[in-house]
N, C-alpha and C. Protein backbone atom coordinates (compact mmCIF):
# COMPACT_ATOMS: atom_id res chain seq x y z
N UNK A 1 -61.73 119.03 97.27
CA UNK A 1 -62.17 119.83 96.15
C UNK A 1 -60.95 120.25 95.34
N UNK A 2 -61.04 120.08 94.01
CA UNK A 2 -59.93 120.38 93.13
C UNK A 2 -59.86 121.88 92.85
N UNK A 3 -58.63 122.39 92.70
CA UNK A 3 -58.47 123.80 92.39
C UNK A 3 -58.61 124.05 90.89
N UNK A 4 -58.51 122.97 90.07
CA UNK A 4 -58.69 123.12 88.63
C UNK A 4 -60.18 123.31 88.33
N UNK A 5 -60.51 124.28 87.49
CA UNK A 5 -61.92 124.49 87.16
C UNK A 5 -62.43 123.36 86.27
N UNK A 6 -63.70 123.04 86.40
CA UNK A 6 -64.33 122.08 85.51
C UNK A 6 -64.61 122.77 84.19
N UNK A 7 -64.48 122.07 83.11
CA UNK A 7 -64.73 122.63 81.79
C UNK A 7 -65.90 121.90 81.15
N UNK A 8 -66.61 122.61 80.28
CA UNK A 8 -67.69 122.02 79.50
C UNK A 8 -67.35 122.16 78.02
N UNK A 9 -67.90 121.27 77.21
CA UNK A 9 -67.65 121.32 75.78
C UNK A 9 -68.68 122.22 75.11
N UNK A 10 -68.22 123.22 74.37
CA UNK A 10 -69.07 124.12 73.59
C UNK A 10 -68.45 124.23 72.21
N UNK A 11 -69.19 123.80 71.19
CA UNK A 11 -68.72 123.87 69.81
C UNK A 11 -67.33 123.25 69.66
N UNK A 12 -67.12 122.12 70.30
CA UNK A 12 -65.87 121.40 70.14
C UNK A 12 -64.70 121.98 70.90
N UNK A 13 -64.95 122.87 71.84
CA UNK A 13 -63.86 123.45 72.62
C UNK A 13 -64.22 123.39 74.09
N UNK A 14 -63.23 123.29 74.94
CA UNK A 14 -63.44 123.25 76.38
C UNK A 14 -63.44 124.67 76.93
N UNK A 15 -64.49 125.01 77.69
CA UNK A 15 -64.61 126.35 78.26
C UNK A 15 -64.97 126.26 79.73
N UNK A 16 -64.57 127.28 80.47
CA UNK A 16 -64.93 127.40 81.88
C UNK A 16 -66.37 127.89 81.95
N UNK A 17 -67.29 127.14 82.60
CA UNK A 17 -68.70 127.55 82.60
C UNK A 17 -68.93 128.91 83.27
N UNK A 18 -68.14 129.26 84.27
CA UNK A 18 -68.29 130.57 84.92
C UNK A 18 -67.99 131.69 83.93
N UNK A 19 -66.90 131.54 83.19
CA UNK A 19 -66.54 132.55 82.18
C UNK A 19 -67.57 132.59 81.07
N UNK A 20 -68.09 131.43 80.71
CA UNK A 20 -69.12 131.37 79.66
C UNK A 20 -70.36 132.15 80.08
N UNK A 21 -70.84 131.94 81.29
CA UNK A 21 -72.06 132.64 81.75
C UNK A 21 -71.82 134.13 81.90
N UNK A 22 -70.67 134.51 82.40
CA UNK A 22 -70.36 135.95 82.50
C UNK A 22 -70.35 136.57 81.10
N UNK A 23 -69.76 135.88 80.14
CA UNK A 23 -69.71 136.38 78.77
C UNK A 23 -71.10 136.48 78.15
N UNK A 24 -71.93 135.47 78.37
CA UNK A 24 -73.29 135.50 77.83
C UNK A 24 -74.08 136.65 78.44
N UNK A 25 -73.99 136.81 79.75
CA UNK A 25 -74.73 137.89 80.41
C UNK A 25 -74.22 139.26 79.98
N UNK A 26 -72.91 139.40 79.88
CA UNK A 26 -72.34 140.67 79.44
C UNK A 26 -72.75 140.99 78.00
N UNK A 27 -72.73 139.99 77.12
CA UNK A 27 -73.16 140.19 75.74
C UNK A 27 -74.63 140.55 75.64
N UNK A 28 -75.47 139.87 76.40
CA UNK A 28 -76.90 140.18 76.37
C UNK A 28 -77.17 141.58 76.92
N UNK A 29 -76.53 141.93 78.03
CA UNK A 29 -76.76 143.24 78.63
C UNK A 29 -76.25 144.36 77.71
N UNK A 30 -75.08 144.17 77.13
CA UNK A 30 -74.51 145.19 76.26
C UNK A 30 -75.32 145.33 74.98
N UNK A 31 -75.68 144.21 74.37
CA UNK A 31 -76.46 144.25 73.14
C UNK A 31 -77.84 144.84 73.35
N UNK A 32 -78.53 144.39 74.40
CA UNK A 32 -79.86 144.91 74.68
C UNK A 32 -79.80 146.38 75.10
N UNK A 33 -78.80 146.73 75.88
CA UNK A 33 -78.65 148.13 76.30
C UNK A 33 -78.43 149.04 75.10
N UNK A 34 -77.57 148.62 74.17
CA UNK A 34 -77.32 149.44 72.97
C UNK A 34 -78.57 149.54 72.10
N UNK A 35 -79.31 148.44 71.98
CA UNK A 35 -80.54 148.45 71.19
C UNK A 35 -81.56 149.42 71.78
N UNK A 36 -81.77 149.33 73.08
CA UNK A 36 -82.76 150.20 73.74
C UNK A 36 -82.31 151.66 73.75
N UNK A 37 -81.02 151.90 73.96
CA UNK A 37 -80.52 153.27 73.97
C UNK A 37 -80.65 153.91 72.60
N UNK A 38 -80.33 153.15 71.55
CA UNK A 38 -80.46 153.69 70.20
C UNK A 38 -81.92 153.94 69.86
N UNK A 39 -82.81 153.04 70.28
CA UNK A 39 -84.24 153.24 70.04
C UNK A 39 -84.76 154.49 70.71
N UNK A 40 -84.31 154.70 71.97
CA UNK A 40 -84.75 155.89 72.70
C UNK A 40 -84.15 157.16 72.08
N UNK A 41 -82.91 157.09 71.63
CA UNK A 41 -82.27 158.26 71.04
C UNK A 41 -82.90 158.65 69.70
N UNK A 42 -83.39 157.67 68.95
CA UNK A 42 -83.97 157.95 67.63
C UNK A 42 -85.46 158.28 67.70
N UNK A 43 -86.09 157.97 68.83
CA UNK A 43 -87.52 158.27 68.96
C UNK A 43 -87.73 159.78 68.92
N UNK A 44 -88.73 160.20 68.17
CA UNK A 44 -89.03 161.62 68.09
C UNK A 44 -88.18 162.37 67.08
N UNK A 45 -87.35 161.67 66.32
CA UNK A 45 -86.56 162.33 65.28
C UNK A 45 -87.30 162.21 63.95
N UNK A 46 -86.73 162.79 62.92
CA UNK A 46 -87.37 162.75 61.60
C UNK A 46 -87.09 161.44 60.86
N UNK A 47 -86.35 160.53 61.49
CA UNK A 47 -86.04 159.24 60.87
C UNK A 47 -87.30 158.38 60.88
N UNK A 48 -87.57 157.70 59.77
CA UNK A 48 -88.78 156.86 59.68
C UNK A 48 -88.71 155.73 60.70
N UNK A 49 -89.87 155.23 61.15
CA UNK A 49 -89.88 154.15 62.15
C UNK A 49 -89.13 152.89 61.69
N UNK A 50 -89.20 152.57 60.39
CA UNK A 50 -88.48 151.39 59.90
C UNK A 50 -86.97 151.58 60.02
N UNK A 51 -86.50 152.77 59.68
CA UNK A 51 -85.07 153.04 59.82
C UNK A 51 -84.66 153.10 61.29
N UNK A 52 -85.53 153.61 62.14
CA UNK A 52 -85.23 153.63 63.58
C UNK A 52 -85.00 152.20 64.08
N UNK A 53 -85.89 151.28 63.66
CA UNK A 53 -85.72 149.89 64.07
C UNK A 53 -84.42 149.30 63.52
N UNK A 54 -84.11 149.60 62.27
CA UNK A 54 -82.88 149.10 61.66
C UNK A 54 -81.64 149.63 62.34
N UNK A 55 -81.64 150.93 62.61
CA UNK A 55 -80.49 151.52 63.30
C UNK A 55 -80.36 150.98 64.73
N UNK A 56 -81.49 150.75 65.37
CA UNK A 56 -81.45 150.19 66.73
C UNK A 56 -80.86 148.79 66.72
N UNK A 57 -81.26 147.98 65.74
CA UNK A 57 -80.69 146.64 65.63
C UNK A 57 -79.19 146.69 65.34
N UNK A 58 -78.79 147.62 64.48
CA UNK A 58 -77.38 147.78 64.19
C UNK A 58 -76.60 148.16 65.45
N UNK A 59 -77.16 149.06 66.24
CA UNK A 59 -76.51 149.45 67.50
C UNK A 59 -76.43 148.25 68.45
N UNK A 60 -77.48 147.44 68.48
CA UNK A 60 -77.45 146.23 69.32
C UNK A 60 -76.37 145.26 68.90
N UNK A 61 -76.21 145.08 67.59
CA UNK A 61 -75.14 144.22 67.09
C UNK A 61 -73.76 144.77 67.43
N UNK A 62 -73.61 146.08 67.30
CA UNK A 62 -72.33 146.69 67.67
C UNK A 62 -72.06 146.51 69.17
N UNK A 63 -73.11 146.59 69.98
CA UNK A 63 -72.96 146.34 71.41
C UNK A 63 -72.48 144.93 71.68
N UNK A 64 -73.01 143.96 70.92
CA UNK A 64 -72.56 142.57 71.07
C UNK A 64 -71.10 142.41 70.67
N UNK A 65 -70.68 143.11 69.63
CA UNK A 65 -69.28 143.04 69.20
C UNK A 65 -68.36 143.64 70.26
N UNK A 66 -68.79 144.74 70.84
CA UNK A 66 -68.00 145.35 71.93
C UNK A 66 -67.89 144.36 73.09
N UNK A 67 -69.01 143.70 73.44
CA UNK A 67 -68.98 142.72 74.52
C UNK A 67 -68.03 141.56 74.19
N UNK A 68 -68.02 141.12 72.93
CA UNK A 68 -67.14 140.03 72.53
C UNK A 68 -65.67 140.42 72.71
N UNK A 69 -65.34 141.64 72.33
CA UNK A 69 -63.96 142.11 72.49
C UNK A 69 -63.59 142.19 73.96
N UNK A 70 -64.49 142.72 74.78
CA UNK A 70 -64.24 142.83 76.22
C UNK A 70 -64.05 141.43 76.83
N UNK A 71 -64.92 140.50 76.47
CA UNK A 71 -64.82 139.14 77.02
C UNK A 71 -63.55 138.44 76.55
N UNK A 72 -63.13 138.70 75.31
CA UNK A 72 -61.88 138.12 74.82
C UNK A 72 -60.69 138.64 75.63
N UNK A 73 -60.75 139.89 76.04
CA UNK A 73 -59.67 140.45 76.86
C UNK A 73 -59.75 139.93 78.31
N UNK A 74 -60.98 139.81 78.83
CA UNK A 74 -61.15 139.33 80.21
C UNK A 74 -60.79 137.85 80.37
N UNK A 75 -61.14 137.04 79.37
CA UNK A 75 -60.97 135.59 79.47
C UNK A 75 -60.16 135.07 78.28
N UNK A 76 -58.85 135.29 78.28
CA UNK A 76 -58.03 134.81 77.17
C UNK A 76 -57.96 133.28 77.18
N UNK A 77 -57.60 132.67 76.05
CA UNK A 77 -57.48 131.20 76.00
C UNK A 77 -56.48 130.70 77.04
N UNK A 78 -56.76 129.54 77.59
CA UNK A 78 -55.90 128.96 78.62
C UNK A 78 -54.88 127.99 78.05
N UNK A 79 -55.00 127.69 76.76
CA UNK A 79 -54.13 126.70 76.15
C UNK A 79 -52.77 127.29 75.80
N UNK A 80 -51.79 126.42 75.79
CA UNK A 80 -50.48 126.75 75.27
C UNK A 80 -50.29 125.88 74.04
N UNK A 81 -50.16 126.49 72.89
CA UNK A 81 -50.02 125.75 71.64
C UNK A 81 -48.57 125.79 71.21
N UNK A 82 -48.01 124.61 71.01
CA UNK A 82 -46.64 124.50 70.52
C UNK A 82 -46.69 123.70 69.23
N UNK A 83 -46.02 124.20 68.23
CA UNK A 83 -45.99 123.49 66.96
C UNK A 83 -44.58 122.98 66.70
N UNK A 84 -44.39 121.72 67.01
CA UNK A 84 -43.16 121.02 66.66
C UNK A 84 -43.43 119.53 66.74
N UNK A 85 -42.62 118.76 66.05
CA UNK A 85 -42.78 117.31 66.06
C UNK A 85 -42.36 116.77 67.43
N UNK A 86 -43.15 115.84 67.93
CA UNK A 86 -42.83 115.25 69.22
C UNK A 86 -41.78 114.16 69.06
N UNK A 87 -40.87 114.14 70.00
CA UNK A 87 -39.89 113.06 70.04
C UNK A 87 -40.58 111.82 70.64
N UNK A 88 -39.99 110.65 70.47
CA UNK A 88 -40.59 109.44 71.07
C UNK A 88 -40.78 109.57 72.59
N UNK A 89 -39.84 110.22 73.26
CA UNK A 89 -39.99 110.40 74.70
C UNK A 89 -41.17 111.33 75.02
N UNK A 90 -41.32 112.39 74.21
CA UNK A 90 -42.46 113.30 74.40
C UNK A 90 -43.78 112.59 74.11
N UNK A 91 -43.78 111.68 73.12
CA UNK A 91 -44.97 110.87 72.83
C UNK A 91 -45.36 110.08 74.06
N UNK A 92 -44.37 109.40 74.64
CA UNK A 92 -44.66 108.55 75.80
C UNK A 92 -45.12 109.38 77.00
N UNK A 93 -44.53 110.55 77.19
CA UNK A 93 -44.96 111.42 78.29
C UNK A 93 -46.39 111.90 78.07
N UNK A 94 -46.73 112.23 76.83
CA UNK A 94 -48.10 112.67 76.53
C UNK A 94 -49.08 111.52 76.74
N UNK A 95 -48.71 110.32 76.35
CA UNK A 95 -49.59 109.16 76.54
C UNK A 95 -49.78 108.89 78.02
N UNK A 96 -48.70 108.99 78.80
CA UNK A 96 -48.81 108.82 80.26
C UNK A 96 -49.80 109.82 80.84
N UNK A 97 -49.71 111.05 80.39
CA UNK A 97 -50.61 112.11 80.87
C UNK A 97 -52.06 111.81 80.50
N UNK A 98 -52.27 111.33 79.28
CA UNK A 98 -53.63 111.00 78.84
C UNK A 98 -54.19 109.85 79.67
N UNK A 99 -53.37 108.82 79.89
CA UNK A 99 -53.81 107.67 80.68
C UNK A 99 -54.15 108.11 82.10
N UNK A 100 -53.32 108.96 82.68
CA UNK A 100 -53.57 109.42 84.05
C UNK A 100 -54.83 110.26 84.12
N UNK A 101 -55.04 111.13 83.13
CA UNK A 101 -56.22 111.99 83.13
C UNK A 101 -57.48 111.21 82.79
N UNK A 102 -57.36 110.24 81.89
CA UNK A 102 -58.52 109.48 81.43
C UNK A 102 -58.98 108.49 82.48
N UNK A 103 -58.03 107.86 83.15
CA UNK A 103 -58.37 106.92 84.20
C UNK A 103 -58.90 105.61 83.67
N UNK A 104 -59.65 105.62 82.59
CA UNK A 104 -60.25 104.40 82.06
C UNK A 104 -59.24 103.63 81.23
N UNK A 105 -58.30 104.34 80.62
CA UNK A 105 -57.18 103.70 79.99
C UNK A 105 -57.37 103.11 78.62
N UNK A 106 -58.49 103.28 77.95
CA UNK A 106 -58.63 102.74 76.60
C UNK A 106 -59.13 103.80 75.66
N UNK A 107 -58.76 103.66 74.37
CA UNK A 107 -59.19 104.64 73.39
C UNK A 107 -60.69 104.57 73.20
N UNK A 108 -61.30 103.42 73.44
CA UNK A 108 -62.74 103.31 73.31
C UNK A 108 -63.47 104.13 74.36
N UNK A 109 -62.82 104.37 75.49
CA UNK A 109 -63.44 105.15 76.56
C UNK A 109 -63.30 106.65 76.32
N UNK A 110 -62.47 107.04 75.35
CA UNK A 110 -62.31 108.45 75.05
C UNK A 110 -63.53 108.95 74.29
N UNK A 111 -63.84 110.21 74.47
CA UNK A 111 -64.93 110.81 73.70
C UNK A 111 -64.50 110.88 72.24
N UNK A 112 -65.46 110.94 71.32
CA UNK A 112 -65.08 111.06 69.91
C UNK A 112 -64.24 112.30 69.64
N UNK A 113 -64.54 113.38 70.35
CA UNK A 113 -63.76 114.62 70.18
C UNK A 113 -62.32 114.40 70.63
N UNK A 114 -62.12 113.75 71.77
CA UNK A 114 -60.77 113.50 72.27
C UNK A 114 -60.01 112.58 71.32
N UNK A 115 -60.69 111.57 70.79
CA UNK A 115 -60.04 110.66 69.85
C UNK A 115 -59.62 111.41 68.58
N UNK A 116 -60.48 112.33 68.09
CA UNK A 116 -60.12 113.13 66.91
C UNK A 116 -58.90 114.00 67.20
N UNK A 117 -58.86 114.59 68.40
CA UNK A 117 -57.70 115.43 68.74
C UNK A 117 -56.43 114.59 68.82
N UNK A 118 -56.53 113.39 69.39
CA UNK A 118 -55.36 112.52 69.44
C UNK A 118 -54.88 112.17 68.03
N UNK A 119 -55.83 111.90 67.14
CA UNK A 119 -55.44 111.61 65.75
C UNK A 119 -54.78 112.83 65.10
N UNK A 120 -55.31 114.01 65.38
CA UNK A 120 -54.77 115.21 64.72
C UNK A 120 -53.33 115.51 65.14
N UNK A 121 -52.94 115.10 66.33
CA UNK A 121 -51.56 115.34 66.78
C UNK A 121 -50.69 114.09 66.67
N UNK A 122 -51.26 113.02 66.08
CA UNK A 122 -50.48 111.82 65.84
C UNK A 122 -50.25 110.95 67.06
N UNK A 123 -51.11 111.05 68.07
CA UNK A 123 -50.92 110.25 69.28
C UNK A 123 -51.90 109.08 69.39
N UNK A 124 -52.96 109.06 68.58
CA UNK A 124 -53.99 108.04 68.76
C UNK A 124 -53.45 106.63 68.57
N UNK A 125 -52.67 106.39 67.50
CA UNK A 125 -52.15 105.06 67.24
C UNK A 125 -51.17 104.63 68.34
N UNK A 126 -50.32 105.54 68.77
CA UNK A 126 -49.37 105.21 69.85
C UNK A 126 -50.13 104.91 71.14
N UNK A 127 -51.20 105.65 71.39
CA UNK A 127 -52.02 105.41 72.58
C UNK A 127 -52.68 104.03 72.49
N UNK A 128 -53.22 103.71 71.32
CA UNK A 128 -53.87 102.41 71.13
C UNK A 128 -52.86 101.27 71.27
N UNK A 129 -51.65 101.43 70.70
CA UNK A 129 -50.61 100.40 70.84
C UNK A 129 -50.26 100.18 72.31
N UNK A 130 -50.17 101.26 73.04
CA UNK A 130 -49.84 101.15 74.47
C UNK A 130 -50.90 100.37 75.21
N UNK A 131 -52.17 100.58 74.84
CA UNK A 131 -53.26 99.88 75.50
C UNK A 131 -53.25 98.40 75.17
N UNK A 132 -52.77 98.03 73.96
CA UNK A 132 -52.67 96.63 73.61
C UNK A 132 -51.58 95.94 74.43
N UNK A 133 -50.48 96.66 74.70
CA UNK A 133 -49.36 96.09 75.46
C UNK A 133 -49.69 96.02 76.94
N UNK A 134 -50.28 97.10 77.49
CA UNK A 134 -50.60 97.16 78.91
C UNK A 134 -52.11 97.10 79.09
N UNK A 135 -52.64 96.01 79.61
CA UNK A 135 -54.10 95.91 79.79
C UNK A 135 -54.62 96.84 80.84
């Protein structure tokens, strides 16, 4: 069993499913809790029922925002982003890493998202050339 967590693709980004579910549950609980608490607090006041519903929804949305901030602090991004041009040696090391991780060894076997990312960092053509040289 690998110690690296499995990731799933959500909106074009890789996320840890355990962190995703904790975040979803925390957001739902916080948002629903704020909505119900605001509804109960406004019940029996002189505020009209329509405004009570509106204020309750607003409180629910604020609860979701609080949950988002908490989850962002609990589960920070795992990526390390470096912005600099890669040297030819760094290109080759990155291609080696992709080949080792991909296992299939061809750009056609990459997902469309992975191919787009390779293009965005300028590695797709070098990866394809390598595959032409090494079957």
